């Protein structure tokens, strides 16, 4: 049997890997798996997303299932509504941060979290064996789910100190990245009495402004706009709005590890002995923060599904990824750019210091990320050879992670969503970090002559 799901749902180039025929049969598979119970479908702003969503809803109807259309919403909005509005499951049409030519399907369980790996295998068995089953010989009905955005925003507001945030009248720049948070994040922040300055706010599946993935290298306009308007905070979202990257009042852009660390400190200060889940490639910063508040950190494979499912399993309060995905289980145990934004606004409103000062209080650890174009076969060979040549402590939970001391490590793994090999490294010694990165980048290129 082949493989349908990757690290984060089903993804491919629209019209090539991800065809309408595939989408139709996936809709049959999900309908069969959920036994014809009511389902919710939403989509992001990619050009092909409305069409794929329409085909998915039609396929579900054809097998007798009633389907609700959430319309164009961020992924976490769809996930929250599946859980809170009583749906048995759902599907989100999105390729998250992938380039414009891609699209994808995220299958959502009734708890609002993407299907577990075991559940994915069950759906794949149905798909590849074509074991599609009508649940009713009648055609299912379609309705519009008009409560989606309001329910989502109202729940976020219920979990932060709205009066405190309103009292500070924060100025916040939102880089919406031509993505789906354009329909929710500005509305949320305005309801928190923030002055909102929105850039790249037109939804456009080509992502013409800066691409669909916010990184420290493509957020110059956000930094400039924050400085020019003396804003308190800048926030950038990815294409489907489940991740957020933050910029301080000076225009400095931070990776997900640092923003997660300060948010965790803020939340753990009122929730001691909590549990935190994060992948194996995340910074040691969280371990330092957790130890101050008697919290326990659990590491998983890379992938938001791995984090979310582990959070539910151990009843964790927080989860995060180094790419800007942050999860707060009092809302829902999935990445949510808008929930994270509200928490950051609350953090800034509650402190006498600016975000740059709060970040400066963190222990000094240096990080580096790189990626190399690489086939799956090349990636396997590279990981195997790096592991065989390693000295000292190693971990193989996901790819290979090699330790040099308590705070210095390098990790290499094959991406599950793109044909690239990813390298992560960290150290409390910047010179050592440079040496590690240079050494392992050279090894990667030499093993199979891949390009960085």
Protein backbone atom coordinates (compact mmCIF):
# COMPACT_ATOMS: atom_id res chain seq x y z
CA UNK A 1 0.00 0.00 0.00
CA UNK A 2 1.28 3.48 -0.86
CA UNK A 3 1.43 6.54 1.35
CA UNK A 4 -1.12 9.33 1.15
CA UNK A 5 -0.42 11.48 4.20
CA UNK A 6 2.87 13.27 4.83
CA UNK A 7 4.16 15.01 7.95
CA UNK A 8 1.25 17.42 7.89
CA UNK A 9 -1.68 16.17 5.86
CA UNK A 10 -1.91 15.43 2.15
CA UNK A 11 0.05 17.84 -0.06
CA UNK A 12 1.19 18.16 -3.63
CA UNK A 13 1.36 20.38 -6.67
CA UNK A 14 -2.19 21.08 -7.76
CA UNK A 15 -3.06 19.34 -11.01
CA UNK A 16 -0.06 17.03 -10.78
CA UNK A 17 0.30 15.30 -7.41
CA UNK A 18 -2.91 16.72 -5.97
CA UNK A 19 -5.66 16.29 -8.57
CA UNK A 20 -9.41 16.72 -8.34
CA UNK A 21 -9.77 12.96 -8.82
CA UNK A 22 -7.59 12.43 -5.76
CA UNK A 23 -9.58 15.00 -3.77
CA UNK A 24 -12.83 13.29 -4.70
CA UNK A 25 -11.59 9.88 -3.59
CA UNK A 26 -10.19 11.38 -0.37
CA UNK A 27 -13.66 12.80 0.30
CA UNK A 28 -15.12 9.32 -0.20
CA UNK A 29 -12.48 7.88 2.14
CA UNK A 30 -13.14 10.41 4.89
CA UNK A 31 -16.90 9.97 4.60
CA UNK A 32 -16.47 6.22 4.91
CA UNK A 33 -14.08 6.62 7.84
CA UNK A 34 -16.39 9.02 9.72
CA UNK A 35 -19.36 6.74 8.92
CA UNK A 36 -21.38 9.46 7.33
CA UNK A 37 -21.66 11.75 10.31
CA UNK A 38 -21.83 15.52 9.85
CA UNK A 39 -18.62 17.08 8.55
CA UNK A 40 -17.22 20.61 8.20
CA UNK A 41 -15.08 21.78 5.27
CA UNK A 42 -13.07 25.01 5.04
CA UNK A 43 -10.37 26.37 2.79
CA UNK A 44 -7.55 28.93 2.64
CA UNK A 45 -6.88 31.64 0.04
CA UNK A 46 -4.99 29.57 -2.51
CA UNK A 47 -6.39 29.84 -6.03
CA UNK A 48 -7.30 26.16 -6.21
CA UNK A 49 -8.72 25.89 -2.69
CA UNK A 50 -12.40 26.80 -3.36
CA UNK A 51 -12.54 24.29 -6.22
CA UNK A 52 -10.98 21.49 -4.19
CA UNK A 53 -13.33 22.27 -1.29
CA UNK A 54 -16.31 22.17 -3.63
CA UNK A 55 -15.26 18.75 -4.95
CA UNK A 56 -14.72 17.48 -1.40
CA UNK A 57 -18.17 18.62 -0.28
CA UNK A 58 -19.78 17.11 -3.38
CA UNK A 59 -18.06 13.78 -2.79
CA UNK A 60 -19.20 13.68 0.81
CA UNK A 61 -22.75 14.53 -0.27
CA UNK A 62 -22.66 11.82 -2.92
CA UNK A 63 -22.16 9.16 -0.25
CA UNK A 64 -25.04 10.55 1.80
CA UNK A 65 -23.26 12.78 4.31
CA UNK A 66 -24.42 16.23 5.35
CA UNK A 67 -21.64 18.80 4.97
CA UNK A 68 -21.24 22.33 6.31
CA UNK A 69 -19.19 24.92 4.45
CA UNK A 70 -17.08 27.12 6.73
CA UNK A 71 -15.80 29.09 3.75
CA UNK A 72 -12.46 30.88 3.69
CA UNK A 73 -11.04 30.65 7.21
CA UNK A 74 -7.67 30.04 8.89
CA UNK A 75 -6.92 26.41 9.62
CA UNK A 76 -7.21 26.81 13.43
CA UNK A 77 -10.62 28.44 13.01
CA UNK A 78 -11.86 25.38 11.12
CA UNK A 79 -10.33 23.08 13.73
CA UNK A 80 -11.86 24.99 16.63
CA UNK A 81 -15.28 24.91 15.00
CA UNK A 82 -15.15 21.16 14.36
CA UNK A 83 -14.58 20.65 18.07
CA UNK A 84 -16.83 23.33 19.53
CA UNK A 85 -19.80 23.31 17.15
CA UNK A 86 -20.45 19.59 17.32
CA UNK A 87 -19.05 18.19 14.07
CA UNK A 88 -17.81 14.62 13.85
CA UNK A 89 -14.85 15.64 11.74
CA UNK A 90 -13.76 17.88 8.92
CA UNK A 91 -11.34 18.76 6.18
CA UNK A 92 -9.26 21.89 5.65
CA UNK A 93 -8.03 22.65 2.15
CA UNK A 94 -4.59 24.20 2.57
CA UNK A 95 -0.90 23.68 1.89
CA UNK A 96 0.07 25.95 4.80
CA UNK A 97 3.46 27.52 4.01
CA UNK A 98 4.20 25.65 0.77
CA UNK A 99 4.69 27.61 -2.49
CA UNK A 100 1.60 28.78 -4.44
CA UNK A 101 1.52 25.87 -6.85
CA UNK A 102 0.90 23.46 -3.95
CA UNK A 103 -2.28 22.61 -2.16
CA UNK A 104 -3.33 20.04 0.37
CA UNK A 105 -5.98 18.42 2.54
CA UNK A 106 -5.87 18.26 6.33
CA UNK A 107 -8.24 15.71 7.81
CA UNK A 108 -9.61 16.83 11.17
CA UNK A 109 -10.94 14.54 13.90
CA UNK A 110 -13.88 15.39 16.11
CA UNK A 111 -11.58 16.79 18.80
CA UNK A 112 -10.38 19.45 16.35
CA UNK A 113 -6.91 17.94 15.97
CA UNK A 114 -5.65 16.37 12.76
CA UNK A 115 -6.04 12.62 12.56
CA UNK A 116 -3.48 10.61 14.46
CA UNK A 117 -0.93 8.57 12.52
CA UNK A 118 -2.96 5.43 13.22
CA UNK A 119 -6.15 7.09 11.97
CA UNK A 120 -4.33 8.24 8.84
CA UNK A 121 -3.43 4.62 8.12
CA UNK A 122 -7.09 3.64 8.44
CA UNK A 123 -8.08 6.32 5.93
CA UNK A 124 -5.27 5.24 3.61
CA UNK A 125 -6.47 1.64 3.72
CA UNK A 126 -9.92 2.79 2.62
CA UNK A 127 -8.44 5.03 -0.08
CA UNK A 128 -6.04 2.55 -1.66
CA UNK A 129 -8.46 -0.39 -1.50
CA UNK A 130 -11.36 1.77 -2.73
CA UNK A 131 -13.55 0.53 0.11
CA UNK A 132 -15.93 3.46 -0.17
CA UNK A 133 -19.32 2.99 1.46
CA UNK A 134 -22.57 4.85 1.04
CA UNK A 135 -23.98 5.80 4.43
CA UNK A 136 -27.30 6.79 2.90
CA UNK A 137 -28.65 6.31 -0.59
CA UNK A 138 -29.97 9.86 -0.45
CA UNK A 139 -27.73 12.75 -1.39
CA UNK A 140 -26.44 14.61 1.64
CA UNK A 141 -27.29 18.24 2.29
CA UNK A 142 -25.00 21.29 2.25
CA UNK A 143 -25.33 24.21 4.63
CA UNK A 144 -23.23 27.28 5.38
CA UNK A 145 -21.56 27.43 8.81
CA UNK A 146 -22.06 31.12 9.55
CA UNK A 147 -20.90 30.88 13.18
CA UNK A 148 -17.28 29.98 12.40
CA UNK A 149 -15.40 33.27 12.66
CA UNK A 150 -17.46 34.76 15.50
CA UNK A 151 -17.24 31.59 17.62
CA UNK A 152 -13.50 31.37 17.06
CA UNK A 153 -12.76 34.98 18.00
CA UNK A 154 -15.09 34.96 20.99
CA UNK A 155 -13.34 31.94 22.47
CA UNK A 156 -9.91 33.51 22.05
CA UNK A 157 -11.09 36.64 23.87
CA UNK A 158 -12.48 34.53 26.71
CA UNK A 159 -8.98 33.21 27.44
CA UNK A 160 -7.08 36.50 27.79
CA UNK A 161 -7.48 39.55 30.01
CA UNK A 162 -9.47 41.67 27.59
CA UNK A 163 -9.81 44.64 29.94
CA UNK A 164 -6.06 44.77 30.54
CA UNK A 165 -5.26 44.66 26.83
CA UNK A 166 -7.86 47.30 26.06
CA UNK A 167 -6.45 49.58 28.74
CA UNK A 168 -3.04 49.72 27.01
CA UNK A 169 -4.33 50.74 23.56
CA UNK A 170 -1.52 48.83 21.86
CA UNK A 171 -0.46 49.65 18.33
CA UNK A 172 0.07 46.42 16.41
CA UNK A 173 1.25 45.88 12.85
CA UNK A 174 -0.17 42.75 11.22
CA UNK A 175 1.63 41.28 8.21
CA UNK A 176 -1.15 39.06 6.93
CA UNK A 177 1.01 37.65 4.14
CA UNK A 178 -1.93 37.61 1.66
CA UNK A 179 -3.22 34.69 3.73
CA UNK A 180 -6.27 33.46 5.57
CA UNK A 181 -5.72 35.30 8.88
CA UNK A 182 -6.81 38.42 6.99
CA UNK A 183 -10.41 37.46 7.80
CA UNK A 184 -9.86 37.03 11.54
CA UNK A 185 -6.69 38.58 13.06
CA UNK A 186 -7.52 42.24 12.31
CA UNK A 187 -11.04 41.77 13.65
CA UNK A 188 -9.72 40.13 16.83
CA UNK A 189 -7.17 42.85 17.51
CA UNK A 190 -9.67 45.63 16.88
CA UNK A 191 -12.05 43.99 19.35
CA UNK A 192 -9.18 44.17 21.85
CA UNK A 193 -9.05 47.94 21.23
CA UNK A 194 -5.67 47.73 19.53
CA UNK A 195 -4.76 50.16 16.78
CA UNK A 196 -4.26 47.83 13.83
CA UNK A 197 -1.96 48.63 10.91
CA UNK A 198 -2.37 45.88 8.33
CA UNK A 199 0.06 45.16 5.53
CA UNK A 200 -0.15 42.52 2.78
CA UNK A 201 -3.80 42.24 3.76
CA UNK A 202 -5.33 41.30 0.40
CA UNK A 203 -5.96 37.56 0.18
CA UNK A 204 -4.08 36.28 -2.85
CA UNK A 205 -3.15 32.65 -3.45
CA UNK A 206 -0.04 33.70 -5.35
CA UNK A 207 1.36 35.22 -2.12
CA UNK A 208 2.95 38.09 -4.08
CA UNK A 209 4.17 40.12 -1.09
CA UNK A 210 6.69 37.86 0.63
CA UNK A 211 5.64 34.27 0.02
CA UNK A 212 3.46 32.10 2.22
CA UNK A 213 6.03 31.41 4.94
CA UNK A 214 7.18 34.24 7.22
CA UNK A 215 10.87 34.07 8.06
CA UNK A 216 13.31 36.56 9.60
CA UNK A 217 14.68 37.09 6.07
CA UNK A 218 11.45 38.25 4.39
CA UNK A 219 9.85 40.50 6.99
CA UNK A 220 11.68 43.74 6.28
CA UNK A 221 8.44 45.58 5.51
CA UNK A 222 6.97 44.45 8.83
CA UNK A 223 10.05 45.70 10.70
CA UNK A 224 10.02 49.01 8.84
CA UNK A 225 6.30 49.55 9.44
CA UNK A 226 6.66 48.83 13.16
CA UNK A 227 9.47 51.36 13.50
CA UNK A 228 7.82 54.05 11.40
CA UNK A 229 4.62 53.87 13.42
CA UNK A 230 6.26 53.42 16.86
CA UNK A 231 4.20 50.26 17.20
CA UNK A 232 4.30 48.04 20.26
CA UNK A 233 4.35 44.79 18.32
CA UNK A 234 4.53 43.31 14.83
CA UNK A 235 3.04 39.94 13.88
CA UNK A 236 3.40 37.94 10.65
CA UNK A 237 1.31 34.91 9.71
CA UNK A 238 1.77 32.02 7.33
CA UNK A 239 -0.62 31.17 4.50
CA UNK A 240 -3.26 29.34 6.52
CA UNK A 241 -2.83 31.36 9.70
CA UNK A 242 -1.80 28.69 12.17
CA UNK A 243 1.67 30.13 12.78
CA UNK A 244 2.82 33.56 13.94
CA UNK A 245 6.24 35.23 13.90
CA UNK A 246 6.78 38.25 16.17
CA UNK A 247 8.63 41.52 15.76
CA UNK A 248 9.48 43.79 18.71
CA UNK A 249 9.10 47.57 18.86
CA UNK A 250 12.62 48.03 17.47
CA UNK A 251 11.88 45.96 14.40
CA UNK A 252 13.77 42.85 15.55
CA UNK A 253 12.17 39.64 14.26
CA UNK A 254 12.32 36.52 16.45
CA UNK A 255 12.15 32.82 15.72
CA UNK A 256 9.47 30.63 17.21
CA UNK A 257 11.69 29.31 19.99
CA UNK A 258 12.17 32.73 21.57
CA UNK A 259 8.56 33.83 21.28
CA UNK A 260 7.42 30.49 22.68
CA UNK A 261 9.83 30.84 25.61
CA UNK A 262 8.49 34.24 26.71
CA UNK A 263 4.89 33.15 26.20
CA UNK A 264 5.54 29.98 28.20
CA UNK A 265 7.06 32.01 31.03
CA UNK A 266 4.00 34.28 31.00
CA UNK A 267 1.53 31.39 31.10
CA UNK A 268 3.50 29.16 33.48
CA UNK A 269 3.75 31.98 36.02
CA UNK A 270 0.09 31.30 36.79
CA UNK A 271 0.07 27.57 35.98
CA UNK A 272 2.83 25.73 37.87
CA UNK A 273 3.56 22.00 37.39
CA UNK A 274 2.19 22.15 33.86
CA UNK A 275 3.28 20.00 30.94
CA UNK A 276 4.76 21.24 27.67
CA UNK A 277 5.18 19.34 24.41
CA UNK A 278 7.61 20.32 21.67
CA UNK A 279 9.52 18.53 18.89
CA UNK A 280 13.07 17.31 19.19
CA UNK A 281 14.40 20.19 17.06
CA UNK A 282 13.24 22.93 19.47
CA UNK A 283 15.59 25.06 21.54
CA UNK A 284 16.81 24.22 25.03
CA UNK A 285 15.34 27.59 26.07
CA UNK A 286 12.06 25.89 26.94
CA UNK A 287 13.80 23.45 29.29
CA UNK A 288 15.37 26.37 31.16
CA UNK A 289 12.02 28.19 31.43
CA UNK A 290 10.14 25.04 32.42
CA UNK A 291 12.55 24.22 35.25
CA UNK A 292 11.82 27.61 36.87
CA UNK A 293 8.12 26.74 37.11
CA UNK A 294 8.31 23.02 37.90
CA UNK A 295 6.97 22.23 34.44
CA UNK A 296 7.84 19.10 32.49
CA UNK A 297 8.90 19.10 28.82
CA UNK A 298 8.11 16.18 26.51
CA UNK A 299 9.78 15.90 23.10
CA UNK A 300 8.19 14.42 19.96
CA UNK A 301 9.02 13.87 16.33
CA UNK A 302 8.80 16.97 14.13
CA UNK A 303 5.26 17.79 13.01
CA UNK A 304 2.35 19.62 14.56
CA UNK A 305 0.24 16.45 14.58
CA UNK A 306 2.84 14.75 16.76
CA UNK A 307 2.79 17.65 19.22
CA UNK A 308 -0.99 18.04 19.31
CA UNK A 309 -1.70 14.35 19.76
CA UNK A 310 0.88 14.08 22.56
CA UNK A 311 -0.63 17.14 24.25
CA UNK A 312 -4.02 15.44 24.36
CA UNK A 313 -2.47 12.16 25.51
CA UNK A 314 -0.71 13.68 28.54
CA UNK A 315 -3.07 16.62 29.12
CA UNK A 316 -0.40 19.22 28.40
CA UNK A 317 -1.13 22.91 28.75
CA UNK A 318 1.28 24.16 26.08
CA UNK A 319 2.89 23.00 22.88
CA UNK A 320 5.03 24.70 20.28
CA UNK A 321 7.32 24.34 17.27
CA UNK A 322 10.39 26.35 16.34
CA UNK A 323 8.66 27.56 13.16
CA UNK A 324 6.24 29.82 15.05
CA UNK A 325 3.50 27.32 15.82
CA UNK A 326 2.18 27.74 19.38
CA UNK A 327 -0.56 25.67 21.02
CA UNK A 328 -2.64 26.58 24.06
CA UNK A 329 -4.87 23.70 25.07
CA UNK A 330 -7.36 25.84 26.99
CA UNK A 331 -8.37 27.01 23.51
CA UNK A 332 -7.52 23.96 21.41
CA UNK A 333 -4.39 21.84 21.20
CA UNK A 334 -3.39 22.99 17.72
CA UNK A 335 -1.21 25.76 16.30
CA UNK A 336 -3.14 29.00 16.23
CA UNK A 337 -1.70 32.30 15.04
CA UNK A 338 -4.58 34.41 16.34
CA UNK A 339 -4.68 32.80 19.81
CA UNK A 340 -0.93 33.26 20.06
CA UNK A 341 -1.24 36.90 19.03
CA UNK A 342 -3.78 37.58 21.76
CA UNK A 343 -1.54 35.93 24.34
CA UNK A 344 1.43 38.05 23.22
CA UNK A 345 -0.69 41.20 23.45
CA UNK A 346 -1.67 40.18 26.98
CA UNK A 347 1.98 39.55 27.86
CA UNK A 348 3.06 42.99 26.66
CA UNK A 349 0.11 44.67 28.39
CA UNK A 350 0.94 42.95 31.67
CA UNK A 351 4.61 43.95 31.80
CA UNK A 352 6.31 47.29 32.42
CA UNK A 353 8.92 46.41 29.80
CA UNK A 354 8.85 46.37 26.01
CA UNK A 355 9.07 43.11 24.06
CA UNK A 356 12.74 43.70 23.22
CA UNK A 357 13.52 43.93 26.94
CA UNK A 358 11.51 40.81 27.72
CA UNK A 359 13.36 38.85 25.02
CA UNK A 360 16.71 40.17 26.29
CA UNK A 361 16.01 38.54 29.66
CA UNK A 362 16.16 35.07 28.08
CA UNK A 363 19.34 33.00 28.41
CA UNK A 364 21.65 33.55 25.43
CA UNK A 365 21.49 30.61 23.07
CA UNK A 366 22.36 30.81 19.39
CA UNK A 367 20.46 28.97 16.68
CA UNK A 368 20.90 28.22 13.00
CA UNK A 369 18.59 26.66 10.41
CA UNK A 370 19.39 25.62 6.85
CA UNK A 371 17.88 23.46 4.15
CA UNK A 372 19.32 21.53 1.22
CA UNK A 373 17.54 20.34 -1.91
CA UNK A 374 17.47 16.62 -1.51
CA UNK A 375 15.51 13.54 -2.59
CA UNK A 376 14.13 11.15 -0.01
CA UNK A 377 16.73 8.54 -0.95
CA UNK A 378 19.57 11.05 -0.59
CA UNK A 379 18.18 12.17 2.75
CA UNK A 380 18.13 8.63 4.11
CA UNK A 381 21.74 8.11 3.02
CA UNK A 382 22.89 11.38 4.60
CA UNK A 383 21.21 10.66 7.94
CA UNK A 384 22.66 7.14 8.04
CA UNK A 385 26.20 8.33 7.32
CA UNK A 386 26.05 11.22 9.80
CA UNK A 387 24.85 8.80 12.47
CA UNK A 388 27.57 6.26 11.73
CA UNK A 389 30.25 8.99 11.92
CA UNK A 390 28.90 10.61 15.09
CA UNK A 391 30.78 10.61 18.36
CA UNK A 392 29.09 11.01 21.73
CA UNK A 393 25.35 11.12 22.47
CA UNK A 394 22.91 10.77 19.59
CA UNK A 395 19.14 10.62 19.23
CA UNK A 396 17.22 9.04 16.36
CA UNK A 397 13.63 9.90 17.24
CA UNK A 398 13.45 11.89 13.98
CA UNK A 399 16.43 11.94 11.63
CA UNK A 400 19.60 12.23 13.71
CA UNK A 401 20.42 14.63 16.54
CA UNK A 402 24.04 14.79 17.68
CA UNK A 403 25.08 16.38 20.98
CA UNK A 404 28.41 18.08 21.69
CA UNK A 405 27.67 19.27 25.24
CA UNK A 406 24.57 20.07 27.33
CA UNK A 407 23.65 23.08 25.19
CA UNK A 408 25.23 22.34 21.81
CA UNK A 409 23.70 20.05 19.19
CA UNK A 410 22.97 19.59 15.49
CA UNK A 411 19.99 17.80 13.98
CA UNK A 412 19.39 16.68 10.39
CA UNK A 413 16.13 15.27 9.02
CA UNK A 414 14.29 14.86 5.74
CA UNK A 415 11.27 17.14 5.36
CA UNK A 416 7.92 15.41 5.17
CA UNK A 417 6.31 18.21 3.13
CA UNK A 418 9.05 19.27 0.67
CA UNK A 419 11.98 17.59 -1.16
CA UNK A 420 14.54 19.14 1.17
CA UNK A 421 16.86 18.09 3.98
CA UNK A 422 16.68 20.35 7.03
CA UNK A 423 19.53 21.16 9.41
CA UNK A 424 19.01 22.66 12.87
CA UNK A 425 21.77 23.60 15.30
CA UNK A 426 22.08 25.34 18.65
CA UNK A 427 24.79 26.29 21.12
CA UNK A 428 25.48 28.73 23.94
CA UNK A 429 28.80 29.44 22.18
CA UNK A 430 28.41 31.33 18.87
CA UNK A 431 31.86 30.31 17.64
CA UNK A 432 31.16 26.64 18.32
CA UNK A 433 27.80 26.95 16.54
CA UNK A 434 29.52 28.35 13.44
CA UNK A 435 31.97 25.46 13.46
CA UNK A 436 29.18 22.90 13.83
CA UNK A 437 27.14 24.39 11.00
CA UNK A 438 30.14 24.65 8.66
CA UNK A 439 31.27 21.11 9.41
CA UNK A 440 27.89 19.43 8.97
CA UNK A 441 26.87 21.49 5.94
CA UNK A 442 30.10 20.39 4.27
CA UNK A 443 29.46 16.76 5.20
CA UNK A 444 25.93 16.91 3.79
CA UNK A 445 27.14 18.34 0.48
CA UNK A 446 29.98 15.84 0.22
CA UNK A 447 27.88 12.75 0.87
CA UNK A 448 25.57 13.17 -2.12
CA UNK A 449 26.62 16.46 -3.67
CA UNK A 450 23.30 18.10 -2.74
CA UNK A 451 22.85 21.85 -3.04
CA UNK A 452 22.09 24.22 -0.17
